[in-house]
Amino acid sequence: MRYWLVVFLLFPFNVFNQVLISPSEYKRQQILWHGEKYLGKPYRSTVGKHIFDCSGYVKFLMADIGITVTRSSVSQVHDGQRVHNIKEAKPGDIMVFKGRNPRNNRPGHVGIVHHWGHDTLYFMHSSNTKGVTIDHLLDPYYARRFLQVRDVIGNE
């Protein structure tokens, strides 16, 4: 009996009930933690040798977890695997949007999936008007321009 008392005093009960997450889930959390540090940074600001336009921000965050993506939004639409059902988008996935002209289907903007909430997808991105910020797909500006989600992290 004394032995168990010592064990519980040295190791609180919640230590034994911890949930382990996969390496890919940990990478997805790292992107959010790291990306949130830069909220409010102006568009095209420089962090080290990185420029935080939209695709530069995505490339910077991916490099932080050891994933290489291409540099431009036009090419990032080909990185990783397409997530065909938006309901399956996960934090850390790349969101691809059309450029400023919603009639042109060419990619022109990217962001990182942040979370699901209030029946919509929230994403972090570097906006030329707001800087690094979090927006959502219920915003008509982004809803009109949304193209697809890309998973570059996968499931490990």
N, C-alpha and C. Protein backbone atom coordinates (compact mmCIF):
# COMPACT_ATOMS: atom_id res chain seq x y z
N MET A 1 0.82 -1.19 0.00
CA MET A 1 0.00 0.00 0.00
C MET A 1 0.86 1.26 0.00
N ARG A 2 1.92 1.27 0.80
CA ARG A 2 2.80 2.44 0.87
C ARG A 2 3.45 2.70 -0.48
N TYR A 3 3.78 1.62 -1.18
CA TYR A 3 4.40 1.76 -2.50
C TYR A 3 3.50 2.54 -3.45
N TRP A 4 2.22 2.21 -3.50
CA TRP A 4 1.28 2.91 -4.39
C TRP A 4 1.11 4.36 -3.98
N LEU A 5 1.12 4.64 -2.72
CA LEU A 5 1.01 6.02 -2.24
C LEU A 5 2.20 6.84 -2.73
N VAL A 6 3.37 6.26 -2.67
CA VAL A 6 4.58 6.94 -3.14
C VAL A 6 4.50 7.16 -4.65
N VAL A 7 4.04 6.16 -5.38
CA VAL A 7 3.92 6.28 -6.84
C VAL A 7 2.96 7.41 -7.20
N PHE A 8 1.81 7.46 -6.56
CA PHE A 8 0.81 8.49 -6.89
C PHE A 8 1.27 9.88 -6.46
N LEU A 9 2.06 9.97 -5.42
CA LEU A 9 2.58 11.28 -5.00
C LEU A 9 3.66 11.76 -5.96
N LEU A 10 4.49 10.85 -6.43
CA LEU A 10 5.56 11.22 -7.37
C LEU A 10 5.04 11.42 -8.79
N PHE A 11 4.05 10.62 -9.18
CA PHE A 11 3.50 10.68 -10.53
C PHE A 11 1.99 10.90 -10.43
N PRO A 12 1.54 12.12 -10.53
CA PRO A 12 0.09 12.35 -10.44
C PRO A 12 -0.67 11.49 -11.44
N PHE A 13 -1.90 11.18 -11.11
CA PHE A 13 -2.72 10.25 -11.88
C PHE A 13 -2.83 10.63 -13.35
N ASN A 14 -2.91 11.93 -13.66
CA ASN A 14 -3.09 12.33 -15.05
C ASN A 14 -1.89 11.99 -15.93
N VAL A 15 -0.73 11.72 -15.36
CA VAL A 15 0.43 11.31 -16.14
C VAL A 15 0.14 9.99 -16.85
N PHE A 16 -0.61 9.11 -16.20
CA PHE A 16 -0.90 7.81 -16.77
C PHE A 16 -1.99 7.86 -17.82
N ASN A 17 -2.73 8.96 -17.89
CA ASN A 17 -3.86 9.07 -18.83
C ASN A 17 -3.56 10.01 -20.00
N GLN A 18 -2.32 10.29 -20.26
CA GLN A 18 -1.98 11.22 -21.33
C GLN A 18 -2.26 10.58 -22.69
N VAL A 19 -2.74 11.40 -23.62
CA VAL A 19 -3.03 10.93 -24.96
C VAL A 19 -1.81 11.18 -25.84
N LEU A 20 -1.35 10.17 -26.52
CA LEU A 20 -0.23 10.33 -27.44
C LEU A 20 -0.76 10.72 -28.80
N ILE A 21 -0.06 11.63 -29.46
CA ILE A 21 -0.48 12.01 -30.81
C ILE A 21 0.57 11.55 -31.81
N SER A 22 0.15 11.38 -33.03
CA SER A 22 1.04 10.89 -34.07
C SER A 22 2.02 12.00 -34.46
N PRO A 23 3.12 11.63 -35.11
CA PRO A 23 4.07 12.64 -35.57
C PRO A 23 3.43 13.68 -36.50
N SER A 24 2.50 13.24 -37.36
CA SER A 24 1.86 14.20 -38.28
C SER A 24 0.96 15.17 -37.51
N GLU A 25 0.26 14.67 -36.49
CA GLU A 25 -0.58 15.57 -35.67
C GLU A 25 0.30 16.57 -34.93
N TYR A 26 1.45 16.12 -34.45
CA TYR A 26 2.36 17.03 -33.76
C TYR A 26 2.86 18.11 -34.72
N LYS A 27 3.20 17.73 -35.96
CA LYS A 27 3.64 18.71 -36.95
C LYS A 27 2.53 19.72 -37.23
N ARG A 28 1.29 19.25 -37.30
CA ARG A 28 0.17 20.15 -37.55
C ARG A 28 0.02 21.15 -36.40
N GLN A 29 0.20 20.68 -35.17
CA GLN A 29 0.14 21.59 -34.02
C GLN A 29 1.31 22.58 -34.04
N GLN A 30 2.49 22.12 -34.41
CA GLN A 30 3.66 23.00 -34.49
C GLN A 30 3.43 24.15 -35.47
N ILE A 31 2.81 23.85 -36.61
CA ILE A 31 2.54 24.90 -37.60
C ILE A 31 1.66 25.98 -36.99
N LEU A 32 0.63 25.56 -36.28
CA LEU A 32 -0.27 26.55 -35.67
C LEU A 32 0.44 27.37 -34.61
N TRP A 33 1.18 26.70 -33.73
CA TRP A 33 1.90 27.42 -32.68
C TRP A 33 2.88 28.42 -33.27
N HIS A 34 3.62 27.98 -34.27
CA HIS A 34 4.62 28.85 -34.88
C HIS A 34 3.95 29.95 -35.69
N GLY A 35 2.94 29.60 -36.47
CA GLY A 35 2.26 30.58 -37.31
C GLY A 35 1.58 31.69 -36.53
N GLU A 36 1.02 31.34 -35.37
CA GLU A 36 0.33 32.34 -34.55
C GLU A 36 1.28 33.39 -33.99
N LYS A 37 2.56 33.07 -33.86
CA LYS A 37 3.54 34.04 -33.36
C LYS A 37 3.64 35.26 -34.27
N TYR A 38 3.28 35.09 -35.54
CA TYR A 38 3.47 36.15 -36.52
C TYR A 38 2.18 36.89 -36.85
N LEU A 39 1.09 36.58 -36.13
CA LEU A 39 -0.16 37.31 -36.37
C LEU A 39 0.09 38.81 -36.20
N GLY A 40 -0.40 39.59 -37.14
CA GLY A 40 -0.21 41.04 -37.10
C GLY A 40 0.99 41.53 -37.88
N LYS A 41 1.91 40.62 -38.26
CA LYS A 41 3.05 41.05 -39.09
C LYS A 41 2.52 41.58 -40.41
N PRO A 42 3.09 42.66 -40.91
CA PRO A 42 2.60 43.20 -42.19
C PRO A 42 2.89 42.28 -43.38
N TYR A 43 2.06 42.40 -44.40
CA TYR A 43 2.26 41.67 -45.65
C TYR A 43 3.60 42.08 -46.24
N ARG A 44 4.28 41.14 -46.81
CA ARG A 44 5.61 41.32 -47.39
C ARG A 44 6.65 41.81 -46.39
N SER A 45 6.40 41.53 -45.10
CA SER A 45 7.43 41.85 -44.13
C SER A 45 8.51 40.78 -44.23
N THR A 46 9.69 41.09 -43.74
CA THR A 46 10.81 40.17 -43.81
C THR A 46 11.07 39.58 -42.43
N VAL A 47 11.16 38.26 -42.36
CA VAL A 47 11.52 37.56 -41.13
C VAL A 47 12.75 36.75 -41.47
N GLY A 48 13.90 37.21 -40.98
CA GLY A 48 15.15 36.58 -41.39
C GLY A 48 15.33 36.80 -42.87
N LYS A 49 15.52 35.71 -43.60
CA LYS A 49 15.64 35.82 -45.05
C LYS A 49 14.35 35.47 -45.76
N HIS A 50 13.24 35.38 -45.00
CA HIS A 50 11.95 35.01 -45.57
C HIS A 50 11.07 36.24 -45.72
N ILE A 51 10.32 36.26 -46.81
CA ILE A 51 9.38 37.35 -47.06
C ILE A 51 7.97 36.81 -46.85
N PHE A 52 7.21 37.49 -46.01
CA PHE A 52 5.87 37.03 -45.68
C PHE A 52 4.81 37.57 -46.61
N ASP A 53 4.93 37.28 -47.91
CA ASP A 53 3.73 37.38 -48.73
C ASP A 53 3.00 36.06 -48.46
N CYS A 54 1.89 35.80 -49.10
CA CYS A 54 1.10 34.61 -48.74
C CYS A 54 1.87 33.31 -48.90
N SER A 55 2.48 33.10 -50.05
CA SER A 55 3.18 31.84 -50.29
C SER A 55 4.49 31.77 -49.50
N GLY A 56 5.12 32.89 -49.24
CA GLY A 56 6.33 32.92 -48.42
C GLY A 56 6.04 32.51 -46.99
N TYR A 57 4.90 32.95 -46.47
CA TYR A 57 4.47 32.58 -45.11
C TYR A 57 4.23 31.07 -45.03
N VAL A 58 3.54 30.51 -46.02
CA VAL A 58 3.28 29.08 -46.05
C VAL A 58 4.59 28.31 -46.15
N LYS A 59 5.47 28.71 -47.04
CA LYS A 59 6.77 28.03 -47.22
C LYS A 59 7.58 28.08 -45.92
N PHE A 60 7.59 29.23 -45.26
CA PHE A 60 8.31 29.43 -44.01
C PHE A 60 7.80 28.47 -42.93
N LEU A 61 6.48 28.38 -42.77
CA LEU A 61 5.90 27.51 -41.74
C LEU A 61 6.15 26.04 -42.04
N MET A 62 6.07 25.66 -43.30
CA MET A 62 6.33 24.27 -43.67
C MET A 62 7.79 23.91 -43.44
N ALA A 63 8.69 24.81 -43.78
CA ALA A 63 10.12 24.55 -43.59
C ALA A 63 10.43 24.34 -42.11
N ASP A 64 9.70 25.02 -41.25
CA ASP A 64 9.91 24.90 -39.80
C ASP A 64 9.65 23.49 -39.30
N ILE A 65 8.79 22.73 -39.99
CA ILE A 65 8.53 21.34 -39.58
C ILE A 65 9.18 20.33 -40.52
N GLY A 66 10.08 20.82 -41.36
CA GLY A 66 10.85 19.93 -42.22
C GLY A 66 10.17 19.52 -43.51
N ILE A 67 9.17 20.29 -43.94
CA ILE A 67 8.48 19.97 -45.19
C ILE A 67 8.82 21.04 -46.23
N THR A 68 9.23 20.59 -47.41
CA THR A 68 9.57 21.51 -48.48
C THR A 68 8.38 21.69 -49.41
N VAL A 69 7.98 22.94 -49.61
CA VAL A 69 6.96 23.25 -50.61
C VAL A 69 7.56 24.28 -51.56
N THR A 70 6.92 24.43 -52.70
CA THR A 70 7.40 25.39 -53.68
C THR A 70 7.13 26.81 -53.19
N ARG A 71 7.65 27.81 -53.90
CA ARG A 71 7.63 29.18 -53.40
C ARG A 71 6.38 29.97 -53.77
N SER A 72 5.71 29.67 -54.87
CA SER A 72 4.61 30.53 -55.30
C SER A 72 3.25 29.86 -55.12
N SER A 73 2.22 30.68 -55.00
CA SER A 73 0.86 30.13 -54.88
C SER A 73 0.47 29.36 -56.14
N VAL A 74 0.98 29.78 -57.28
CA VAL A 74 0.68 29.09 -58.54
C VAL A 74 1.23 27.66 -58.50
N SER A 75 2.38 27.47 -57.89
CA SER A 75 2.96 26.12 -57.84
C SER A 75 2.52 25.34 -56.60
N GLN A 76 2.16 26.02 -55.51
CA GLN A 76 1.75 25.31 -54.30
C GLN A 76 0.44 24.54 -54.51
N VAL A 77 -0.32 24.90 -55.54
CA VAL A 77 -1.54 24.15 -55.85
C VAL A 77 -1.22 22.72 -56.29
N HIS A 78 0.05 22.44 -56.57
CA HIS A 78 0.47 21.10 -56.98
C HIS A 78 1.24 20.37 -55.88
N ASP A 79 1.53 21.03 -54.76
CA ASP A 79 2.27 20.39 -53.66
C ASP A 79 1.35 19.45 -52.89
N GLY A 80 1.87 18.33 -52.45
CA GLY A 80 1.11 17.39 -51.64
C GLY A 80 -0.03 16.73 -52.41
N GLN A 81 -1.04 16.29 -51.66
CA GLN A 81 -2.19 15.61 -52.23
C GLN A 81 -3.43 16.48 -52.05
N ARG A 82 -4.29 16.47 -53.04
CA ARG A 82 -5.53 17.23 -52.94
C ARG A 82 -6.48 16.57 -51.93
N VAL A 83 -7.11 17.38 -51.10
CA VAL A 83 -8.15 16.93 -50.18
C VAL A 83 -9.47 17.20 -50.89
N HIS A 84 -10.11 16.15 -51.37
CA HIS A 84 -11.30 16.32 -52.21
C HIS A 84 -12.53 16.77 -51.44
N ASN A 85 -12.65 16.36 -50.20
CA ASN A 85 -13.78 16.76 -49.37
C ASN A 85 -13.29 17.79 -48.36
N ILE A 86 -13.75 19.02 -48.48
CA ILE A 86 -13.28 20.09 -47.60
C ILE A 86 -13.52 19.78 -46.13
N LYS A 87 -14.51 18.96 -45.83
CA LYS A 87 -14.80 18.58 -44.44
C LYS A 87 -13.65 17.75 -43.84
N GLU A 88 -12.77 17.23 -44.69
CA GLU A 88 -11.63 16.44 -44.23
C GLU A 88 -10.36 17.27 -44.10
N ALA A 89 -10.45 18.58 -44.32
CA ALA A 89 -9.29 19.46 -44.17
C ALA A 89 -8.85 19.47 -42.71
N LYS A 90 -7.53 19.46 -42.52
CA LYS A 90 -6.96 19.42 -41.17
C LYS A 90 -6.04 20.62 -40.98
N PRO A 91 -5.83 21.01 -39.72
CA PRO A 91 -4.86 22.08 -39.46
C PRO A 91 -3.53 21.77 -40.13
N GLY A 92 -2.94 22.77 -40.76
CA GLY A 92 -1.67 22.59 -41.44
C GLY A 92 -1.80 22.32 -42.92
N ASP A 93 -2.99 21.98 -43.40
CA ASP A 93 -3.19 21.81 -44.84
C ASP A 93 -3.11 23.18 -45.51
N ILE A 94 -2.74 23.19 -46.77
CA ILE A 94 -2.66 24.43 -47.53
C ILE A 94 -4.00 24.70 -48.21
N MET A 95 -4.51 25.90 -48.06
CA MET A 95 -5.72 26.32 -48.75
C MET A 95 -5.30 27.17 -49.94
N VAL A 96 -5.88 26.89 -51.11
CA VAL A 96 -5.52 27.60 -52.33
C VAL A 96 -6.74 28.40 -52.81
N PHE A 97 -6.48 29.65 -53.14
CA PHE A 97 -7.53 30.56 -53.61
C PHE A 97 -7.16 31.14 -54.97
N LYS A 98 -8.17 31.59 -55.70
CA LYS A 98 -7.94 32.34 -56.93
C LYS A 98 -7.31 33.68 -56.55
N GLY A 99 -6.74 34.33 -57.55
CA GLY A 99 -6.22 35.67 -57.33
C GLY A 99 -7.35 36.66 -57.11
N ARG A 100 -7.07 37.93 -57.23
CA ARG A 100 -8.09 38.96 -56.95
C ARG A 100 -9.28 38.92 -57.90
N ASN A 101 -9.09 38.35 -59.09
CA ASN A 101 -10.19 38.26 -60.05
C ASN A 101 -10.85 36.88 -59.90
N PRO A 102 -12.05 36.81 -59.29
CA PRO A 102 -12.68 35.51 -59.05
C PRO A 102 -13.11 34.78 -60.33
N ARG A 103 -13.11 35.47 -61.46
CA ARG A 103 -13.48 34.79 -62.72
C ARG A 103 -12.30 34.03 -63.32
N ASN A 104 -11.10 34.34 -62.89
CA ASN A 104 -9.90 33.66 -63.37
C ASN A 104 -9.57 32.53 -62.39
N ASN A 105 -9.52 31.30 -62.85
CA ASN A 105 -9.29 30.15 -61.97
C ASN A 105 -7.83 29.91 -61.63
N ARG A 106 -6.97 30.79 -61.99
CA ARG A 106 -5.54 30.63 -61.68
C ARG A 106 -5.30 30.90 -60.20
N PRO A 107 -4.54 30.02 -59.52
CA PRO A 107 -4.24 30.26 -58.12
C PRO A 107 -3.50 31.59 -57.95
N GLY A 108 -3.86 32.30 -56.90
CA GLY A 108 -3.21 33.58 -56.65
C GLY A 108 -3.04 33.88 -55.18
N HIS A 109 -3.51 32.98 -54.31
CA HIS A 109 -3.39 33.21 -52.87
C HIS A 109 -3.42 31.87 -52.15
N VAL A 110 -2.67 31.76 -51.05
CA VAL A 110 -2.65 30.54 -50.24
C VAL A 110 -2.66 30.90 -48.76
N GLY A 111 -3.09 29.94 -47.97
CA GLY A 111 -3.09 30.06 -46.52
C GLY A 111 -2.96 28.68 -45.91
N ILE A 112 -3.00 28.62 -44.59
CA ILE A 112 -2.87 27.36 -43.85
C ILE A 112 -4.16 27.13 -43.06
N VAL A 113 -4.72 25.93 -43.17
CA VAL A 113 -5.91 25.61 -42.38
C VAL A 113 -5.56 25.75 -40.90
N HIS A 114 -6.40 26.49 -40.18
CA HIS A 114 -6.19 26.68 -38.74
C HIS A 114 -7.11 25.75 -37.94
N HIS A 115 -8.42 25.86 -38.16
CA HIS A 115 -9.36 25.00 -37.44
C HIS A 115 -10.75 25.10 -38.05
N TRP A 116 -11.60 24.18 -37.66
CA TRP A 116 -13.02 24.24 -37.99
C TRP A 116 -13.73 24.87 -36.82
N GLY A 117 -14.69 25.75 -37.09
CA GLY A 117 -15.50 26.33 -36.03
C GLY A 117 -16.71 27.02 -36.62
N HIS A 118 -17.82 26.99 -35.92
CA HIS A 118 -19.05 27.63 -36.38
C HIS A 118 -19.39 27.22 -37.82
N ASP A 119 -19.21 25.94 -38.12
CA ASP A 119 -19.50 25.36 -39.43
C ASP A 119 -18.74 26.00 -40.58
N THR A 120 -17.55 26.47 -40.31
CA THR A 120 -16.70 26.99 -41.38
C THR A 120 -15.24 26.69 -41.08
N LEU A 121 -14.43 26.84 -42.10
CA LEU A 121 -13.00 26.58 -42.01
C LEU A 121 -12.27 27.90 -41.78
N TYR A 122 -11.45 27.96 -40.75
CA TYR A 122 -10.63 29.14 -40.47
C TYR A 122 -9.23 28.87 -40.98
N PHE A 123 -8.56 29.91 -41.46
CA PHE A 123 -7.22 29.75 -42.01
C PHE A 123 -6.35 30.95 -41.68
N MET A 124 -5.03 30.67 -41.52
CA MET A 124 -4.02 31.72 -41.31
C MET A 124 -3.41 32.04 -42.65
N HIS A 125 -3.17 33.31 -42.89
CA HIS A 125 -2.55 33.69 -44.16
C HIS A 125 -1.97 35.10 -44.03
N SER A 126 -1.19 35.45 -45.01
CA SER A 126 -0.64 36.80 -45.08
C SER A 126 -1.46 37.57 -46.11
N SER A 127 -2.27 38.48 -45.61
CA SER A 127 -3.17 39.27 -46.45
C SER A 127 -2.51 40.61 -46.76
N ASN A 128 -2.67 41.09 -48.00
CA ASN A 128 -2.02 42.36 -48.33
C ASN A 128 -2.69 43.54 -47.65
N THR A 129 -3.92 43.38 -47.12
CA THR A 129 -4.57 44.48 -46.41
C THR A 129 -4.45 44.35 -44.90
N LYS A 130 -4.42 43.12 -44.35
CA LYS A 130 -4.41 42.93 -42.90
C LYS A 130 -3.11 42.35 -42.36
N GLY A 131 -2.18 41.97 -43.23
CA GLY A 131 -0.98 41.29 -42.77
C GLY A 131 -1.30 39.85 -42.40
N VAL A 132 -0.49 39.26 -41.55
CA VAL A 132 -0.73 37.87 -41.13
C VAL A 132 -1.93 37.87 -40.20
N THR A 133 -2.93 37.10 -40.58
CA THR A 133 -4.21 37.13 -39.88
C THR A 133 -4.90 35.78 -39.99
N ILE A 134 -6.03 35.65 -39.30
CA ILE A 134 -6.87 34.46 -39.42
C ILE A 134 -8.22 34.92 -39.97
N ASP A 135 -8.66 34.29 -41.05
CA ASP A 135 -9.96 34.56 -41.66
C ASP A 135 -10.71 33.26 -41.81
N HIS A 136 -11.91 33.31 -42.38
CA HIS A 136 -12.72 32.10 -42.53
C HIS A 136 -13.44 32.09 -43.87
N LEU A 137 -13.90 30.90 -44.23
CA LEU A 137 -14.54 30.72 -45.54
C LEU A 137 -15.97 31.25 -45.61
N LEU A 138 -16.56 31.67 -44.52
CA LEU A 138 -17.88 32.30 -44.60
C LEU A 138 -17.77 33.73 -45.12
N ASP A 139 -16.58 34.28 -45.11
CA ASP A 139 -16.35 35.61 -45.69
C ASP A 139 -16.55 35.49 -47.20
N PRO A 140 -17.51 36.23 -47.76
CA PRO A 140 -17.81 36.09 -49.20
C PRO A 140 -16.59 36.31 -50.11
N TYR A 141 -15.68 37.19 -49.70
CA TYR A 141 -14.49 37.45 -50.51
C TYR A 141 -13.69 36.17 -50.71
N TYR A 142 -13.49 35.40 -49.65
CA TYR A 142 -12.71 34.17 -49.74
C TYR A 142 -13.55 33.01 -50.28
N ALA A 143 -14.82 32.95 -49.92
CA ALA A 143 -15.69 31.87 -50.41
C ALA A 143 -15.75 31.86 -51.93
N ARG A 144 -15.83 33.04 -52.55
CA ARG A 144 -15.88 33.15 -54.02
C ARG A 144 -14.59 32.71 -54.69
N ARG A 145 -13.52 32.85 -53.98
CA ARG A 145 -12.20 32.61 -54.58
C ARG A 145 -11.60 31.25 -54.21
N PHE A 146 -12.22 30.52 -53.31
CA PHE A 146 -11.67 29.24 -52.86
C PHE A 146 -11.55 28.24 -54.00
N LEU A 147 -10.38 27.59 -54.10
CA LEU A 147 -10.16 26.56 -55.12
C LEU A 147 -10.08 25.16 -54.53
N GLN A 148 -9.15 24.95 -53.59
CA GLN A 148 -8.95 23.60 -53.06
C GLN A 148 -8.07 23.61 -51.82
N VAL A 149 -7.99 22.42 -51.19
CA VAL A 149 -7.12 22.20 -50.04
C VAL A 149 -6.08 21.16 -50.45
N ARG A 150 -4.84 21.37 -50.00
CA ARG A 150 -3.74 20.44 -50.29
C ARG A 150 -3.14 19.94 -48.98
N ASP A 151 -2.96 18.64 -48.86
CA ASP A 151 -2.33 18.05 -47.68
C ASP A 151 -0.88 17.74 -48.01
N VAL A 152 0.03 18.48 -47.40
CA VAL A 152 1.45 18.24 -47.63
C VAL A 152 2.11 17.52 -46.46
N ILE A 153 1.36 17.31 -45.38
CA ILE A 153 1.89 16.66 -44.18
C ILE A 153 1.61 15.16 -44.19
N GLY A 154 0.41 14.78 -44.59
CA GLY A 154 0.04 13.37 -44.61
C GLY A 154 -0.29 12.83 -43.23
N ASN A 155 -0.36 11.53 -43.14
CA ASN A 155 -0.66 10.85 -41.87
C ASN A 155 0.46 9.88 -41.53
N GLU A 156 1.16 10.18 -40.50
CA GLU A 156 2.27 9.28 -40.09
C GLU A 156 1.84 8.48 -38.88
